[in-house]
Amino acid sequence: MTVKQMSRVGFLTAVPSIAAARTADTTTTRAAAGMDSVRNVLNPLLHAEQIAAAFYYAALTSPLVMRSPALSGPSASAIHPALPPHGKPANVRYLQAALDAEVKHAAAVVDGGAVAPLRHVYFPVVTFQGLGSLSNPNSFLGMMQTLETICVSAYIVAAREFLAIGRPDLAGVAAQIMGVESEHRMLGRAIAGSLPANDLTLQPVEFSSVREVVDALRQFESGHGFAVAQSAHAVPSAAQAARVVGKHGTRLVTKFL
């Protein structure tokens, strides 16, 4: 198996089926209606990816989160985490790679035709005041589980809806991205020290349609719906994310032997 470091261009080349959706012939009513159907599925996926990207970016740039001994320790730096026993650089690399993947997923969804990107999203203030725990849903670790469960479920129902509108190519890409989102959920459990981190036989499906995904994301988009104080966070640009990710981005499998 060979791998190569994955740039945004490389990622979009790797998922030509999404890019093909944007270049579909829109000169006929039928083609235009088909693109509308695709966008109805892609837009909520774009929002989910942008919310997740803002989440990881905010954590990686928050000294209160990064100062945890389970992450960067006293350095509180994503780029220069403290070494064991004061920090755990491997856990920081998990989060950097997760941010990188979410930004690339969002870019691919936009390239496929998604519109109306988010500029700001909202999280509870407490989310970035420390590492927290899996049992506290508003803490960083608890929120990570919530967001990644939403993302996994969103891509599962998106795959179903792509199949229903006659786009098995996009359904396949949705399945590929869903696999990465499920890795993120597991890695959050690993950072928390929860054993086993890979605790599921099957991924949960929280929604029956993409419309339900829209409802689940609304509080992150509007800031209304949290039971605790919340604050706004800008969705990072690809350049901003790259500065935090450094050389610890995601990689593309190019060949299986």
Protein backbone atom coordinates (compact mmCIF):
# COMPACT_ATOMS: atom_id res chain seq x y z
CA MET A 1 0.00 0.00 0.00
CA THR A 2 1.43 3.39 -0.95
CA VAL A 3 0.37 6.72 0.42
CA LYS A 4 1.06 10.34 -0.39
CA GLN A 5 0.55 13.56 1.52
CA MET A 6 -2.82 14.93 0.58
CA SER A 7 -3.27 18.53 -0.62
CA ARG A 8 -6.67 20.06 -1.26
CA VAL A 9 -6.08 19.54 -5.01
CA GLY A 10 -5.07 15.93 -4.42
CA PHE A 11 -8.16 15.29 -2.35
CA LEU A 12 -10.52 16.74 -4.91
CA THR A 13 -8.80 14.67 -7.60
CA ALA A 14 -9.36 11.61 -5.45
CA VAL A 15 -13.11 12.12 -5.37
CA PRO A 16 -13.95 12.98 -8.98
CA SER A 17 -17.48 11.72 -8.52
CA ILE A 18 -18.27 14.71 -6.29
CA ALA A 19 -16.66 17.13 -8.72
CA ALA A 20 -18.68 15.56 -11.54
CA ALA A 21 -21.89 16.65 -9.81
CA ARG A 22 -20.92 20.28 -10.31
CA THR A 23 -20.13 19.88 -14.00
CA ALA A 24 -23.33 18.01 -14.84
CA ASP A 25 -25.28 19.37 -17.80
CA THR A 26 -27.70 21.97 -16.47
CA THR A 27 -29.08 23.01 -19.82
CA THR A 28 -32.19 20.91 -19.39
CA THR A 29 -34.90 21.07 -16.75
CA ARG A 30 -34.20 17.50 -15.77
CA ALA A 31 -30.51 18.17 -15.18
CA ALA A 32 -31.29 21.30 -13.15
CA ALA A 33 -33.75 19.40 -10.98
CA GLY A 34 -31.16 16.69 -10.45
CA MET A 35 -28.59 19.23 -9.31
CA ASP A 36 -31.12 20.73 -6.90
CA SER A 37 -31.65 17.27 -5.42
CA VAL A 38 -27.92 16.80 -5.03
CA ARG A 39 -27.54 20.21 -3.37
CA ASN A 40 -30.35 19.43 -0.95
CA VAL A 41 -28.18 16.61 0.36
CA LEU A 42 -24.80 18.34 0.04
CA ASN A 43 -25.68 21.58 1.83
CA PRO A 44 -26.30 19.99 5.26
CA LEU A 45 -23.10 17.97 4.82
CA LEU A 46 -21.17 21.18 4.15
CA HIS A 47 -22.56 22.73 7.32
CA ALA A 48 -21.68 19.63 9.36
CA GLU A 49 -18.11 19.72 8.05
CA GLN A 50 -17.71 23.43 8.73
CA ILE A 51 -19.05 23.06 12.26
CA ALA A 52 -16.60 20.21 12.87
CA ALA A 53 -13.70 22.20 11.38
CA ALA A 54 -14.51 25.20 13.60
CA PHE A 55 -14.71 22.84 16.58
CA TYR A 56 -11.26 21.31 16.07
CA TYR A 57 -9.68 24.65 15.16
CA ALA A 58 -11.06 26.28 18.31
CA ALA A 59 -9.76 23.43 20.47
CA LEU A 60 -6.30 23.37 18.91
CA THR A 61 -5.96 27.12 19.45
CA SER A 62 -7.40 27.13 22.98
CA PRO A 63 -4.72 27.07 25.71
CA LEU A 64 -7.31 25.88 28.22
CA VAL A 65 -7.95 22.75 26.18
CA MET A 66 -4.42 22.15 24.95
CA ARG A 67 -2.85 22.54 28.40
CA SER A 68 -4.30 19.15 29.41
CA PRO A 69 -1.62 16.48 30.10
CA ALA A 70 -3.57 14.32 27.65
CA LEU A 71 -2.72 16.82 24.89
CA SER A 72 0.08 19.43 24.80
CA GLY A 73 0.64 19.82 28.52
CA PRO A 74 2.40 22.94 29.80
CA SER A 75 3.35 24.17 26.30
CA ALA A 76 -0.36 24.48 25.38
CA SER A 77 0.86 24.43 21.76
CA ALA A 78 -0.50 22.20 19.01
CA ILE A 79 2.70 22.62 17.00
CA HIS A 80 5.07 22.02 19.90
CA PRO A 81 3.33 19.75 22.46
CA ALA A 82 5.21 18.75 25.59
CA LEU A 83 6.67 15.27 25.62
CA PRO A 84 5.51 12.50 28.00
CA PRO A 85 4.89 12.43 30.88
CA HIS A 86 3.85 16.10 30.68
CA GLY A 87 1.97 15.84 27.37
CA LYS A 88 0.85 13.34 24.73
CA PRO A 89 1.85 14.51 21.27
CA ALA A 90 0.13 11.54 19.60
CA ASN A 91 -3.25 12.75 20.84
CA VAL A 92 -2.56 16.23 19.49
CA ARG A 93 -1.73 14.72 16.10
CA TYR A 94 -5.11 12.97 16.10
CA LEU A 95 -6.84 16.34 16.44
CA GLN A 96 -4.66 18.03 13.83
CA ALA A 97 -5.43 15.29 11.32
CA ALA A 98 -9.14 15.51 12.17
CA LEU A 99 -9.13 19.27 11.46
CA ASP A 100 -7.30 18.68 8.20
CA ALA A 101 -9.80 16.02 7.12
CA GLU A 102 -12.85 18.16 7.93
CA VAL A 103 -11.49 21.10 5.92
CA LYS A 104 -10.81 18.84 2.95
CA HIS A 105 -14.23 17.21 3.22
CA ALA A 106 -15.84 20.67 3.20
CA ALA A 107 -13.82 21.68 0.13
CA ALA A 108 -14.93 18.55 -1.71
CA VAL A 109 -18.59 19.13 -0.84
CA VAL A 110 -18.36 22.72 -2.09
CA ASP A 111 -16.72 21.50 -5.28
CA GLY A 112 -19.67 19.15 -5.70
CA GLY A 113 -22.07 22.09 -5.71
CA ALA A 114 -22.95 22.85 -2.09
CA VAL A 115 -23.86 26.48 -1.48
CA ALA A 116 -24.56 28.84 1.45
CA PRO A 117 -21.43 28.16 3.52
CA LEU A 118 -21.35 29.18 7.17
CA ARG A 119 -19.19 32.04 8.43
CA HIS A 120 -19.65 31.56 12.18
CA VAL A 121 -20.88 28.72 14.36
CA TYR A 122 -21.70 28.44 18.06
CA PHE A 123 -20.59 26.21 20.91
CA PRO A 124 -21.09 26.30 24.67
CA VAL A 125 -18.50 28.49 26.37
CA VAL A 126 -17.49 25.58 28.59
CA THR A 127 -16.55 23.45 25.58
CA PHE A 128 -13.17 25.11 25.22
CA GLN A 129 -12.41 25.68 28.89
CA GLY A 130 -10.71 22.32 29.34
CA LEU A 131 -10.58 18.76 28.03
CA GLY A 132 -13.66 17.65 29.96
CA SER A 133 -15.02 14.13 29.84
CA LEU A 134 -17.23 11.88 27.77
CA SER A 135 -19.93 12.09 30.41
CA ASN A 136 -20.21 15.91 30.11
CA PRO A 137 -21.86 16.59 26.74
CA ASN A 138 -20.91 20.28 26.76
CA SER A 139 -17.21 19.67 27.41
CA PHE A 140 -14.69 19.25 24.60
CA LEU A 141 -14.60 15.44 24.76
CA GLY A 142 -18.35 15.16 25.15
CA MET A 143 -19.01 17.56 22.29
CA MET A 144 -16.56 15.68 20.08
CA GLN A 145 -18.64 12.54 20.53
CA THR A 146 -21.84 14.44 19.76
CA LEU A 147 -20.50 16.08 16.61
CA GLU A 148 -18.88 12.98 15.18
CA THR A 149 -21.99 10.90 15.83
CA ILE A 150 -23.97 13.53 13.92
CA CYS A 151 -21.45 13.42 11.06
CA VAL A 152 -21.45 9.63 10.86
CA SER A 153 -25.25 9.51 10.82
CA ALA A 154 -25.44 12.37 8.32
CA TYR A 155 -23.30 10.56 5.79
CA ILE A 156 -25.19 7.31 6.23
CA VAL A 157 -28.54 8.95 5.46
CA ALA A 158 -26.89 11.01 2.70
CA ALA A 159 -25.71 7.79 1.06
CA ARG A 160 -29.27 6.48 1.14
CA GLU A 161 -30.64 9.66 -0.39
CA PHE A 162 -27.99 9.75 -3.10
CA LEU A 163 -28.99 6.21 -4.05
CA ALA A 164 -32.66 7.25 -4.10
CA ILE A 165 -31.94 10.03 -6.63
CA GLY A 166 -29.85 7.77 -8.81
CA ARG A 167 -26.36 8.87 -7.74
CA PRO A 168 -24.57 5.73 -6.53
CA ASP A 169 -21.25 7.49 -7.23
CA LEU A 170 -21.98 10.10 -4.58
CA ALA A 171 -23.32 7.43 -2.24
CA GLY A 172 -19.95 5.72 -2.46
CA VAL A 173 -18.08 8.92 -1.61
CA ALA A 174 -20.43 9.52 1.32
CA ALA A 175 -19.51 6.07 2.63
CA GLN A 176 -15.81 6.87 2.29
CA ILE A 177 -16.14 10.08 4.28
CA MET A 178 -18.36 8.40 6.87
CA GLY A 179 -15.53 5.95 7.59
CA VAL A 180 -13.21 8.83 8.46
CA GLU A 181 -15.82 10.49 10.68
CA SER A 182 -16.22 7.23 12.60
CA GLU A 183 -12.45 7.20 13.16
CA HIS A 184 -12.71 10.64 14.73
CA ARG A 185 -15.36 9.44 17.16
CA MET A 186 -13.15 6.54 18.21
CA LEU A 187 -10.06 8.73 18.60
CA GLY A 188 -11.99 11.03 20.93
CA ARG A 189 -12.67 8.01 23.11
CA ALA A 190 -8.99 7.07 22.93
CA ILE A 191 -7.95 10.55 24.11
CA ALA A 192 -10.43 10.18 26.97
CA GLY A 193 -8.82 6.87 27.93
CA SER A 194 -12.09 5.01 27.44
CA LEU A 195 -11.65 1.29 26.86
CA PRO A 196 -12.32 -0.07 24.40
CA ALA A 197 -12.13 3.02 22.23
CA ASN A 198 -13.63 1.03 19.35
CA ASP A 199 -16.76 0.12 21.27
CA LEU A 200 -19.30 -0.29 18.45
CA THR A 201 -20.22 -3.21 16.24
CA LEU A 202 -22.28 -0.98 13.96
CA GLN A 203 -22.28 2.79 13.68
CA PRO A 204 -25.43 4.43 15.11
CA VAL A 205 -27.88 6.10 12.74
CA GLU A 206 -29.50 9.01 14.52
CA PHE A 207 -31.54 10.29 11.57
CA SER A 208 -33.97 8.96 9.00
CA SER A 209 -33.41 11.78 6.50
CA VAL A 210 -31.10 14.67 5.70
CA ARG A 211 -33.87 17.02 6.87
CA GLU A 212 -33.32 15.71 10.40
CA VAL A 213 -29.60 16.49 10.04
CA VAL A 214 -30.56 20.11 9.36
CA ASP A 215 -32.57 20.18 12.58
CA ALA A 216 -29.70 18.66 14.59
CA LEU A 217 -27.24 21.28 13.33
CA ARG A 218 -29.48 24.28 13.93
CA GLN A 219 -28.23 25.11 17.43
CA PHE A 220 -24.63 25.17 16.18
CA GLU A 221 -25.62 27.51 13.35
CA SER A 222 -27.85 29.87 15.31
CA GLY A 223 -26.60 29.70 18.89
CA HIS A 224 -30.14 29.00 20.07
CA GLY A 225 -30.94 25.72 21.77
CA PHE A 226 -28.02 25.24 24.14
CA ALA A 227 -29.00 25.06 27.80
CA VAL A 228 -25.79 26.85 28.78
CA ALA A 229 -24.00 30.05 27.69
CA GLN A 230 -22.57 29.87 24.20
CA SER A 231 -20.12 31.85 22.08
CA ALA A 232 -19.47 32.36 18.36
CA HIS A 233 -16.49 30.90 16.51
CA ALA A 234 -15.39 31.71 12.98
CA VAL A 235 -15.17 28.87 10.50
CA PRO A 236 -11.43 28.65 9.70
CA SER A 237 -10.11 29.12 6.21
CA ALA A 238 -7.97 26.40 4.65
CA ALA A 239 -4.90 28.57 5.24
CA GLN A 240 -5.72 29.12 8.90
CA ALA A 241 -6.28 25.41 9.43
CA ALA A 242 -3.04 24.54 7.65
CA ARG A 243 -1.03 26.70 10.05
CA VAL A 244 -2.42 24.75 13.00
CA VAL A 245 -2.17 21.34 11.34
CA GLY A 246 1.45 21.82 10.28
CA LYS A 247 2.89 18.62 8.82
CA HIS A 248 0.39 16.39 10.57
CA GLY A 249 -2.37 16.31 7.98
CA THR A 250 -4.25 13.40 6.48
CA ARG A 251 -2.92 11.06 3.85
CA LEU A 252 -4.49 9.40 0.83
CA VAL A 253 -4.27 5.68 0.13
CA THR A 254 -3.42 5.48 -3.57
CA LYS A 255 -3.02 1.74 -4.05
CA PHE A 256 -3.83 -1.52 -2.34
CA LEU A 257 -1.58 -4.52 -3.01
